[in-house]
Amino acid sequence: MTKPKTKACLHCHGMNAANRKTCQSCFASLSMKERIKLKEESLRSGDWGGKVKEHRNAGRVVDSARISVRKLHELDFKPLLFMGRERRGGCSAEVITGIAPIPEGPVRELIQRMTALYEYFLTNYSELLATTTAPSDEAASAPPASSQEESLSVLNSPMTTPKELLGKRTRDEATGCTQHTWQKLFFFEKIIERRSKQGIEEVRVHWKSCSACGKEWEDTWEAAVNYSV
């Protein structure tokens, strides 16, 4: 008997390729194993998290996650684990990847940008969730796209997160913060004014404070071509 090539998500009922572990629509687990379901339910309903935090053992769980990411990398997966925590003035995020350490260049800048966008997601999660709509019947019944089609869809579709809220800023003195000492992309709140200097259009940018340490940045003049607001 031929095995089915697709399977439905139990949460959103969207169809997925049979070899997928996570729903491509709602990102819920597609595991049908009863042992996995019982383990997940036990973690959700029990007091495991509270006990770990009480005994200050969260670092061990993070270390275990780092090892798991490395194991997946050795199995030819390409894992990228984002972790975020609430800090003063917002949320801070860090990433674990099996390809680290990453040298200076476009790959590092790309992951830094993804981390900054994840911070934006965490900080504005409630507002973003309020705008979420359930998938239509047409989307739920649509056949799963191939991996090549998915890649082309991502490359050709516009970025839905507000990239105009991200920008590069001139570095100033080091403060010892582990977040913004390596960061190259920063969130800004608004454009205050515009000017033309030696034939080049510039904007005065009011930056958001560091989500990790709360440091407030001074307004800076930046090239207007990099800002779409």
C-alpha atoms as a PDB file:
ATOM      1  CA  MET A   1       0.000   0.000   0.000  1.00  0.00           C
ATOM      2  CA  THR A   2       1.371   3.376  -1.014  1.00  0.00           C
ATOM      3  CA  LYS A   3       1.994   5.794   1.848  1.00  0.00           C
ATOM      4  CA  PRO A   4       0.114   9.116   1.643  1.00  0.00           C
ATOM      5  CA  LYS A   5       2.152  12.006   0.270  1.00  0.00           C
ATOM      6  CA  THR A   6       0.348  14.644   2.326  1.00  0.00           C
ATOM      7  CA  LYS A   7      -1.049  14.985   5.820  1.00  0.00           C
ATOM      8  CA  ALA A   8      -3.380  17.496   7.432  1.00  0.00           C
ATOM      9  CA  CYS A   9      -2.463  19.704  10.371  1.00  0.00           C
ATOM     10  CA  LEU A  10      -4.639  18.945  13.394  1.00  0.00           C
ATOM     11  CA  HIS A  11      -4.728  22.638  14.326  1.00  0.00           C
ATOM     12  CA  CYS A  12      -5.407  24.630  11.122  1.00  0.00           C
ATOM     13  CA  HIS A  13      -6.285  21.634   8.856  1.00  0.00           C
ATOM     14  CA  GLY A  14      -3.838  22.839   6.228  1.00  0.00           C
ATOM     15  CA  MET A  15      -2.254  20.191   4.020  1.00  0.00           C
ATOM     16  CA  ASN A  16       1.480  19.485   4.299  1.00  0.00           C
ATOM     17  CA  ALA A  17       3.982  17.172   2.658  1.00  0.00           C
ATOM     18  CA  ALA A  18       4.155  13.896   4.556  1.00  0.00           C
ATOM     19  CA  ASN A  19       7.821  14.364   5.484  1.00  0.00           C
ATOM     20  CA  ARG A  20       7.323  17.747   7.166  1.00  0.00           C
ATOM     21  CA  LYS A  21       7.650  17.962  10.949  1.00  0.00           C
ATOM     22  CA  THR A  22       6.064  21.411  11.292  1.00  0.00           C
ATOM     23  CA  CYS A  23       2.972  22.849   9.625  1.00  0.00           C
ATOM     24  CA  GLN A  24       3.921  25.297   6.883  1.00  0.00           C
ATOM     25  CA  SER A  25       0.803  27.384   7.633  1.00  0.00           C
ATOM     26  CA  CYS A  26       0.486  27.688  11.435  1.00  0.00           C
ATOM     27  CA  PHE A  27       3.905  26.222  12.428  1.00  0.00           C
ATOM     28  CA  ALA A  28       2.345  23.705  14.851  1.00  0.00           C
ATOM     29  CA  SER A  29       3.974  20.317  15.373  1.00  0.00           C
ATOM     30  CA  LEU A  30       2.879  17.646  12.891  1.00  0.00           C
ATOM     31  CA  SER A  31       4.154  14.748  14.976  1.00  0.00           C
ATOM     32  CA  MET A  32       1.581  11.956  15.278  1.00  0.00           C
ATOM     33  CA  LYS A  33       3.521  10.009  17.902  1.00  0.00           C
ATOM     34  CA  GLU A  34       1.574   9.656  21.132  1.00  0.00           C
ATOM     35  CA  ARG A  35       4.761   9.849  23.197  1.00  0.00           C
ATOM     36  CA  ILE A  36       5.600  13.264  21.759  1.00  0.00           C
ATOM     37  CA  LYS A  37       2.055  14.534  22.285  1.00  0.00           C
ATOM     38  CA  LEU A  38       2.057  13.423  25.922  1.00  0.00           C
ATOM     39  CA  LYS A  39       5.448  15.036  26.529  1.00  0.00           C
ATOM     40  CA  GLU A  40       4.353  18.371  25.032  1.00  0.00           C
ATOM     41  CA  GLU A  41       1.105  18.339  27.007  1.00  0.00           C
ATOM     42  CA  SER A  42       3.011  17.534  30.198  1.00  0.00           C
ATOM     43  CA  LEU A  43       5.274  20.535  29.661  1.00  0.00           C
ATOM     44  CA  ARG A  44       2.325  22.849  28.960  1.00  0.00           C
ATOM     45  CA  SER A  45       0.161  21.776  31.896  1.00  0.00           C
ATOM     46  CA  GLY A  46       2.800  20.924  34.494  1.00  0.00           C
ATOM     47  CA  ASP A  47       5.110  23.026  36.629  1.00  0.00           C
ATOM     48  CA  TRP A  48       8.340  21.980  34.929  1.00  0.00           C
ATOM     49  CA  GLY A  49       9.218  25.527  33.860  1.00  0.00           C
ATOM     50  CA  GLY A  50       8.572  26.948  37.307  1.00  0.00           C
ATOM     51  CA  LYS A  51      10.790  24.362  38.979  1.00  0.00           C
ATOM     52  CA  VAL A  52      13.638  24.928  36.513  1.00  0.00           C
ATOM     53  CA  LYS A  53      13.531  28.692  37.068  1.00  0.00           C
ATOM     54  CA  GLU A  54      13.245  28.246  40.829  1.00  0.00           C
ATOM     55  CA  HIS A  55      16.464  26.224  40.924  1.00  0.00           C
ATOM     56  CA  ARG A  56      18.157  28.516  38.373  1.00  0.00           C
ATOM     57  CA  ASN A  57      18.760  25.712  35.886  1.00  0.00           C
ATOM     58  CA  ALA A  58      17.596  27.508  32.740  1.00  0.00           C
ATOM     59  CA  GLY A  59      21.205  27.714  31.563  1.00  0.00           C
ATOM     60  CA  ARG A  60      21.377  23.928  31.400  1.00  0.00           C
ATOM     61  CA  VAL A  61      18.317  23.835  29.146  1.00  0.00           C
ATOM     62  CA  VAL A  62      19.934  26.408  26.847  1.00  0.00           C
ATOM     63  CA  ASP A  63      23.124  24.318  26.764  1.00  0.00           C
ATOM     64  CA  SER A  64      21.021  21.268  25.873  1.00  0.00           C
ATOM     65  CA  ALA A  65      19.352  23.241  23.072  1.00  0.00           C
ATOM     66  CA  ARG A  66      22.765  24.261  21.760  1.00  0.00           C
ATOM     67  CA  ILE A  67      23.836  20.601  21.646  1.00  0.00           C
ATOM     68  CA  SER A  68      20.574  19.653  19.903  1.00  0.00           C
ATOM     69  CA  VAL A  69      21.162  22.332  17.260  1.00  0.00           C
ATOM     70  CA  ARG A  70      24.648  20.955  16.686  1.00  0.00           C
ATOM     71  CA  LYS A  71      23.291  17.400  16.368  1.00  0.00           C
ATOM     72  CA  LEU A  72      20.746  18.532  13.781  1.00  0.00           C
ATOM     73  CA  HIS A  73      23.527  20.265  11.852  1.00  0.00           C
ATOM     74  CA  GLU A  74      25.539  17.035  11.797  1.00  0.00           C
ATOM     75  CA  LEU A  75      22.452  15.260  10.416  1.00  0.00           C
ATOM     76  CA  ASP A  76      22.461  17.694   7.459  1.00  0.00           C
ATOM     77  CA  PHE A  77      19.647  19.878   8.781  1.00  0.00           C
ATOM     78  CA  LYS A  78      20.278  23.627   8.858  1.00  0.00           C
ATOM     79  CA  PRO A  79      18.828  24.708  12.227  1.00  0.00           C
ATOM     80  CA  LEU A  80      18.604  28.322  13.349  1.00  0.00           C
ATOM     81  CA  LEU A  81      17.238  28.730  16.880  1.00  0.00           C
ATOM     82  CA  PHE A  82      16.050  32.173  17.991  1.00  0.00           C
ATOM     83  CA  MET A  83      15.637  32.806  21.713  1.00  0.00           C
ATOM     84  CA  GLY A  84      14.112  35.934  23.175  1.00  0.00           C
ATOM     85  CA  ARG A  85      13.657  37.221  26.711  1.00  0.00           C
ATOM     86  CA  GLU A  86      11.878  40.204  28.182  1.00  0.00           C
ATOM     87  CA  ARG A  87      14.262  42.905  29.289  1.00  0.00           C
ATOM     88  CA  ARG A  88      13.928  46.434  30.526  1.00  0.00           C
ATOM     89  CA  GLY A  89      12.476  48.524  27.739  1.00  0.00           C
ATOM     90  CA  GLY A  90      11.521  45.594  25.514  1.00  0.00           C
ATOM     91  CA  CYS A  91      12.819  42.192  24.469  1.00  0.00           C
ATOM     92  CA  SER A  92      16.279  40.992  23.516  1.00  0.00           C
ATOM     93  CA  ALA A  93      17.029  38.073  21.243  1.00  0.00           C
ATOM     94  CA  GLU A  94      19.960  35.825  20.509  1.00  0.00           C
ATOM     95  CA  VAL A  95      20.470  33.047  18.028  1.00  0.00           C
ATOM     96  CA  ILE A  96      22.041  29.572  18.089  1.00  0.00           C
ATOM     97  CA  THR A  97      23.204  28.085  14.807  1.00  0.00           C
ATOM     98  CA  GLY A  98      25.230  25.086  13.779  1.00  0.00           C
ATOM     99  CA  ILE A  99      27.349  27.171  11.383  1.00  0.00           C
ATOM    100  CA  ALA A 100      28.873  29.454  14.033  1.00  0.00           C
ATOM    101  CA  PRO A 101      31.308  31.141  14.357  1.00  0.00           C
ATOM    102  CA  ILE A 102      30.297  33.206  11.342  1.00  0.00           C
ATOM    103  CA  PRO A 103      32.975  35.488   9.818  1.00  0.00           C
ATOM    104  CA  GLU A 104      32.421  39.137   8.986  1.00  0.00           C
ATOM    105  CA  GLY A 105      30.381  39.457   5.815  1.00  0.00           C
ATOM    106  CA  PRO A 106      26.880  39.223   4.316  1.00  0.00           C
ATOM    107  CA  VAL A 107      25.952  35.995   6.159  1.00  0.00           C
ATOM    108  CA  ARG A 108      26.626  37.579   9.552  1.00  0.00           C
ATOM    109  CA  GLU A 109      24.734  40.741   8.584  1.00  0.00           C
ATOM    110  CA  LEU A 110      21.768  38.681   7.379  1.00  0.00           C
ATOM    111  CA  ILE A 111      21.513  36.759  10.658  1.00  0.00           C
ATOM    112  CA  GLN A 112      21.886  40.003  12.628  1.00  0.00           C
ATOM    113  CA  ARG A 113      19.006  41.456  10.626  1.00  0.00           C
ATOM    114  CA  MET A 114      16.887  38.362  11.264  1.00  0.00           C
ATOM    115  CA  THR A 115      17.644  38.647  14.988  1.00  0.00           C
ATOM    116  CA  ALA A 116      16.618  42.308  14.996  1.00  0.00           C
ATOM    117  CA  LEU A 117      13.376  41.450  13.211  1.00  0.00           C
ATOM    118  CA  TYR A 118      12.708  38.701  15.751  1.00  0.00           C
ATOM    119  CA  GLU A 119      13.133  41.285  18.512  1.00  0.00           C
ATOM    120  CA  TYR A 120      10.564  43.436  16.743  1.00  0.00           C
ATOM    121  CA  PHE A 121       8.215  40.451  16.597  1.00  0.00           C
ATOM    122  CA  LEU A 122       8.593  39.759  20.320  1.00  0.00           C
ATOM    123  CA  THR A 123       8.123  43.394  21.314  1.00  0.00           C
ATOM    124  CA  ASN A 124       4.996  43.754  19.165  1.00  0.00           C
ATOM    125  CA  TYR A 125       3.680  40.186  19.483  1.00  0.00           C
ATOM    126  CA  SER A 126       0.272  41.082  20.961  1.00  0.00           C
ATOM    127  CA  GLU A 127      -0.385  43.753  18.343  1.00  0.00           C
ATOM    128  CA  LEU A 128       0.712  41.494  15.499  1.00  0.00           C
ATOM    129  CA  LEU A 129      -1.359  38.591  16.838  1.00  0.00           C
ATOM    130  CA  ALA A 130      -4.473  40.776  16.886  1.00  0.00           C
ATOM    131  CA  THR A 131      -4.173  41.258  13.118  1.00  0.00           C
ATOM    132  CA  THR A 132      -3.814  37.521  12.422  1.00  0.00           C
ATOM    133  CA  THR A 133      -6.661  35.958  10.491  1.00  0.00           C
ATOM    134  CA  ALA A 134      -7.620  32.328  10.147  1.00  0.00           C
ATOM    135  CA  PRO A 135      -6.662  30.619   6.851  1.00  0.00           C
ATOM    136  CA  SER A 136      -9.381  30.531   4.223  1.00  0.00           C
ATOM    137  CA  ASP A 137     -10.955  27.258   3.097  1.00  0.00           C
ATOM    138  CA  GLU A 138      -9.161  27.638  -0.219  1.00  0.00           C
ATOM    139  CA  ALA A 139      -5.779  28.004   1.496  1.00  0.00           C
ATOM    140  CA  ALA A 140      -6.467  25.090   3.821  1.00  0.00           C
ATOM    141  CA  SER A 141      -7.372  22.750   0.975  1.00  0.00           C
ATOM    142  CA  ALA A 142      -4.527  23.800  -1.306  1.00  0.00           C
ATOM    143  CA  PRO A 143      -1.869  21.142  -1.979  1.00  0.00           C
ATOM    144  CA  PRO A 144       1.507  21.613  -0.317  1.00  0.00           C
ATOM    145  CA  ALA A 145       4.065  23.506  -2.349  1.00  0.00           C
ATOM    146  CA  SER A 146       7.356  21.889  -3.251  1.00  0.00           C
ATOM    147  CA  SER A 147      10.495  23.088  -1.501  1.00  0.00           C
ATOM    148  CA  GLN A 148      11.601  24.855  -4.692  1.00  0.00           C
ATOM    149  CA  GLU A 149       8.241  26.634  -5.008  1.00  0.00           C
ATOM    150  CA  GLU A 150       8.399  27.662  -1.357  1.00  0.00           C
ATOM    151  CA  SER A 151      11.875  29.136  -1.849  1.00  0.00           C
ATOM    152  CA  LEU A 152      10.796  31.094  -4.916  1.00  0.00           C
ATOM    153  CA  SER A 153       7.719  32.345  -3.057  1.00  0.00           C
ATOM    154  CA  VAL A 154       9.822  33.689  -0.205  1.00  0.00           C
ATOM    155  CA  LEU A 155      12.341  35.308  -2.526  1.00  0.00           C
ATOM    156  CA  ASN A 156       9.712  36.963  -4.729  1.00  0.00           C
ATOM    157  CA  SER A 157       7.259  38.108  -2.036  1.00  0.00           C
ATOM    158  CA  PRO A 158       7.661  41.500  -0.309  1.00  0.00           C
ATOM    159  CA  MET A 159       8.873  41.510   3.278  1.00  0.00           C
ATOM    160  CA  THR A 160       5.835  42.014   5.523  1.00  0.00           C
ATOM    161  CA  THR A 161       7.764  43.201   8.558  1.00  0.00           C
ATOM    162  CA  PRO A 162       8.375  46.964   8.531  1.00  0.00           C
ATOM    163  CA  LYS A 163      11.932  47.161   7.273  1.00  0.00           C
ATOM    164  CA  GLU A 164      11.648  50.950   7.290  1.00  0.00           C
ATOM    165  CA  LEU A 165      11.954  50.734  11.077  1.00  0.00           C
ATOM    166  CA  LEU A 166      15.441  49.256  10.730  1.00  0.00           C
ATOM    167  CA  GLY A 167      18.581  51.136   9.878  1.00  0.00           C
ATOM    168  CA  LYS A 168      22.318  51.396  10.363  1.00  0.00           C
ATOM    169  CA  ARG A 169      23.639  53.926  12.811  1.00  0.00           C
ATOM    170  CA  THR A 170      27.092  55.305  13.569  1.00  0.00           C
ATOM    171  CA  ARG A 171      28.748  53.486  16.441  1.00  0.00           C
ATOM    172  CA  ASP A 172      29.707  55.372  19.574  1.00  0.00           C
ATOM    173  CA  GLU A 173      31.423  54.436  22.812  1.00  0.00           C
ATOM    174  CA  ALA A 174      31.264  50.863  24.097  1.00  0.00           C
ATOM    175  CA  THR A 175      29.059  50.315  27.148  1.00  0.00           C
ATOM    176  CA  GLY A 176      29.682  46.644  27.882  1.00  0.00           C
ATOM    177  CA  CYS A 177      26.236  45.618  26.619  1.00  0.00           C
ATOM    178  CA  THR A 178      26.356  42.169  25.006  1.00  0.00           C
ATOM    179  CA  GLN A 179      23.501  43.103  22.677  1.00  0.00           C
ATOM    180  CA  HIS A 180      24.433  46.249  20.790  1.00  0.00           C
ATOM    181  CA  THR A 181      28.212  45.803  20.812  1.00  0.00           C
ATOM    182  CA  TRP A 182      27.860  43.452  17.806  1.00  0.00           C
ATOM    183  CA  GLN A 183      24.609  44.820  16.405  1.00  0.00           C
ATOM    184  CA  LYS A 184      24.679  46.631  13.065  1.00  0.00           C
ATOM    185  CA  LEU A 185      20.955  47.130  12.460  1.00  0.00           C
ATOM    186  CA  PHE A 186      18.894  49.179  14.909  1.00  0.00           C
ATOM    187  CA  PHE A 187      15.227  50.096  15.251  1.00  0.00           C
ATOM    188  CA  PHE A 188      14.243  53.733  14.985  1.00  0.00           C
ATOM    189  CA  GLU A 189      11.023  55.430  16.031  1.00  0.00           C
ATOM    190  CA  LYS A 190      10.650  58.232  13.517  1.00  0.00           C
ATOM    191  CA  ILE A 191      12.252  60.646  11.088  1.00  0.00           C
ATOM    192  CA  ILE A 192      12.474  64.082  12.719  1.00  0.00           C
ATOM    193  CA  GLU A 193      13.565  66.290   9.831  1.00  0.00           C
ATOM    194  CA  ARG A 194      15.200  66.293   6.419  1.00  0.00           C
ATOM    195  CA  ARG A 195      17.973  68.310   4.805  1.00  0.00           C
ATOM    196  CA  SER A 196      20.187  68.462   1.741  1.00  0.00           C
ATOM    197  CA  LYS A 197      23.935  68.498   2.372  1.00  0.00           C
ATOM    198  CA  GLN A 198      26.325  68.882  -0.554  1.00  0.00           C
ATOM    199  CA  GLY A 199      23.635  67.624  -2.907  1.00  0.00           C
ATOM    200  CA  ILE A 200      22.872  64.530  -0.786  1.00  0.00           C
ATOM    201  CA  GLU A 201      19.472  64.149   0.875  1.00  0.00           C
ATOM    202  CA  GLU A 202      19.732  63.286   4.578  1.00  0.00           C
ATOM    203  CA  VAL A 203      17.255  62.537   7.370  1.00  0.00           C
ATOM    204  CA  ARG A 204      17.589  63.043  11.102  1.00  0.00           C
ATOM    205  CA  VAL A 205      16.738  59.722  12.780  1.00  0.00           C
ATOM    206  CA  HIS A 206      15.365  59.285  16.308  1.00  0.00           C
ATOM    207  CA  TRP A 207      16.525  55.822  17.441  1.00  0.00           C
ATOM    208  CA  LYS A 208      14.835  53.411  19.824  1.00  0.00           C
ATOM    209  CA  SER A 209      16.749  52.603  22.988  1.00  0.00           C
ATOM    210  CA  CYS A 210      18.655  49.319  23.309  1.00  0.00           C
ATOM    211  CA  SER A 211      16.236  46.511  24.174  1.00  0.00           C
ATOM    212  CA  ALA A 212      18.845  44.791  26.352  1.00  0.00           C
ATOM    213  CA  CYS A 213      20.374  47.546  28.513  1.00  0.00           C
ATOM    214  CA  GLY A 214      18.028  50.473  27.903  1.00  0.00           C
ATOM    215  CA  LYS A 215      20.742  52.756  26.515  1.00  0.00           C
ATOM    216  CA  GLU A 216      19.298  55.732  24.654  1.00  0.00           C
ATOM    217  CA  TRP A 217      20.953  56.821  21.417  1.00  0.00           C
ATOM    218  CA  GLU A 218      21.391  60.380  20.238  1.00  0.00           C
ATOM    219  CA  ASP A 219      19.653  61.411  17.005  1.00  0.00           C
ATOM    220  CA  THR A 220      21.891  61.072  13.954  1.00  0.00           C
ATOM    221  CA  TRP A 221      21.853  62.286  10.353  1.00  0.00           C
ATOM    222  CA  GLU A 222      21.723  59.417   7.857  1.00  0.00           C
ATOM    223  CA  ALA A 223      21.461  59.081   4.073  1.00  0.00           C
ATOM    224  CA  ALA A 224      17.775  59.433   3.116  1.00  0.00           C
ATOM    225  CA  VAL A 225      18.065  56.732   0.448  1.00  0.00           C
ATOM    226  CA  ASN A 226      18.210  54.086   3.213  1.00  0.00           C
ATOM    227  CA  TYR A 227      14.909  55.177   4.787  1.00  0.00           C
ATOM    228  CA  SER A 228      11.535  54.833   3.099  1.00  0.00           C
ATOM    229  CA  VAL A 229       9.409  56.793   5.601  1.00  0.00           C
END
